[in-house]
Amino acid sequence: MPKLDCPDCDRGIAMHELETRTIAQTTGFETSYRCPFCRTDFEEVKQLM
């Protein structure tokens, strides 16, 4: 299973370990992700693979 590298703490995070938050807006949905280790928020996961 591929892991992502956290942009802040550089730990490897499995996709199922990511904390996600999706907010409904008038223009659609916005999803953000959080590292479960250092709690850093980031927007894109594609660039971390």
C-alpha atoms as a PDB file:
ATOM      1  CA  MET A   1       0.000   0.000   0.000  1.00  0.00           C
ATOM      2  CA  PRO A   2       1.500   3.381  -0.981  1.00  0.00           C
ATOM      3  CA  LYS A   3       2.308   5.872   1.719  1.00  0.00           C
ATOM      4  CA  LEU A   4       2.308   9.645   1.625  1.00  0.00           C
ATOM      5  CA  ASP A   5       5.097  11.737   3.117  1.00  0.00           C
ATOM      6  CA  CYS A   6       3.828  14.401   5.491  1.00  0.00           C
ATOM      7  CA  PRO A   7       5.041  17.824   4.271  1.00  0.00           C
ATOM      8  CA  ASP A   8       5.851  18.869   7.837  1.00  0.00           C
ATOM      9  CA  CYS A   9       7.175  15.879   9.804  1.00  0.00           C
ATOM     10  CA  ASP A  10       8.182  13.675   6.795  1.00  0.00           C
ATOM     11  CA  ARG A  11       6.591  10.571   8.332  1.00  0.00           C
ATOM     12  CA  GLY A  12       5.020   8.023   6.027  1.00  0.00           C
ATOM     13  CA  ILE A  13       1.218   8.015   6.271  1.00  0.00           C
ATOM     14  CA  ALA A  14      -0.958   5.229   4.861  1.00  0.00           C
ATOM     15  CA  MET A  15      -4.092   6.462   3.075  1.00  0.00           C
ATOM     16  CA  HIS A  16      -6.353   4.912   5.734  1.00  0.00           C
ATOM     17  CA  GLU A  17      -4.479   6.815   8.475  1.00  0.00           C
ATOM     18  CA  LEU A  18      -5.213  10.263   7.009  1.00  0.00           C
ATOM     19  CA  GLU A  19      -7.762  12.374   8.815  1.00  0.00           C
ATOM     20  CA  THR A  20     -10.109  14.018   6.318  1.00  0.00           C
ATOM     21  CA  ARG A  21     -12.563  16.874   6.577  1.00  0.00           C
ATOM     22  CA  THR A  22     -15.053  17.712   3.839  1.00  0.00           C
ATOM     23  CA  ILE A  23     -17.032  20.945   3.876  1.00  0.00           C
ATOM     24  CA  ALA A  24     -20.032  21.601   1.634  1.00  0.00           C
ATOM     25  CA  GLN A  25     -19.884  25.005  -0.021  1.00  0.00           C
ATOM     26  CA  THR A  26     -22.107  26.744  -2.569  1.00  0.00           C
ATOM     27  CA  THR A  27     -19.509  25.987  -5.276  1.00  0.00           C
ATOM     28  CA  GLY A  28     -19.084  22.309  -4.340  1.00  0.00           C
ATOM     29  CA  PHE A  29     -17.121  20.385  -1.747  1.00  0.00           C
ATOM     30  CA  GLU A  30     -13.753  21.213  -0.228  1.00  0.00           C
ATOM     31  CA  THR A  31     -11.706  18.435   1.361  1.00  0.00           C
ATOM     32  CA  SER A  32      -8.655  18.917   3.535  1.00  0.00           C
ATOM     33  CA  TYR A  33      -6.382  16.297   5.051  1.00  0.00           C
ATOM     34  CA  ARG A  34      -4.499  16.118   8.346  1.00  0.00           C
ATOM     35  CA  CYS A  35      -1.432  14.160   9.419  1.00  0.00           C
ATOM     36  CA  PRO A  36      -2.383  11.924  12.370  1.00  0.00           C
ATOM     37  CA  PHE A  37       1.098  12.333  13.879  1.00  0.00           C
ATOM     38  CA  CYS A  38       1.914  16.062  13.835  1.00  0.00           C
ATOM     39  CA  ARG A  39      -1.616  17.373  13.015  1.00  0.00           C
ATOM     40  CA  THR A  40      -0.459  19.428   9.987  1.00  0.00           C
ATOM     41  CA  ASP A  41      -3.259  20.274   7.535  1.00  0.00           C
ATOM     42  CA  PHE A  42      -2.753  20.044   3.780  1.00  0.00           C
ATOM     43  CA  GLU A  43      -4.979  20.314   0.721  1.00  0.00           C
ATOM     44  CA  GLU A  44      -3.526  17.970  -1.894  1.00  0.00           C
ATOM     45  CA  VAL A  45      -2.420  14.379  -1.438  1.00  0.00           C
ATOM     46  CA  LYS A  46      -1.349  13.762  -5.060  1.00  0.00           C
ATOM     47  CA  GLN A  47       1.811  15.852  -4.658  1.00  0.00           C
ATOM     48  CA  LEU A  48       2.828  13.899  -1.538  1.00  0.00           C
ATOM     49  CA  MET A  49       2.873  10.474  -3.223  1.00  0.00           C
END
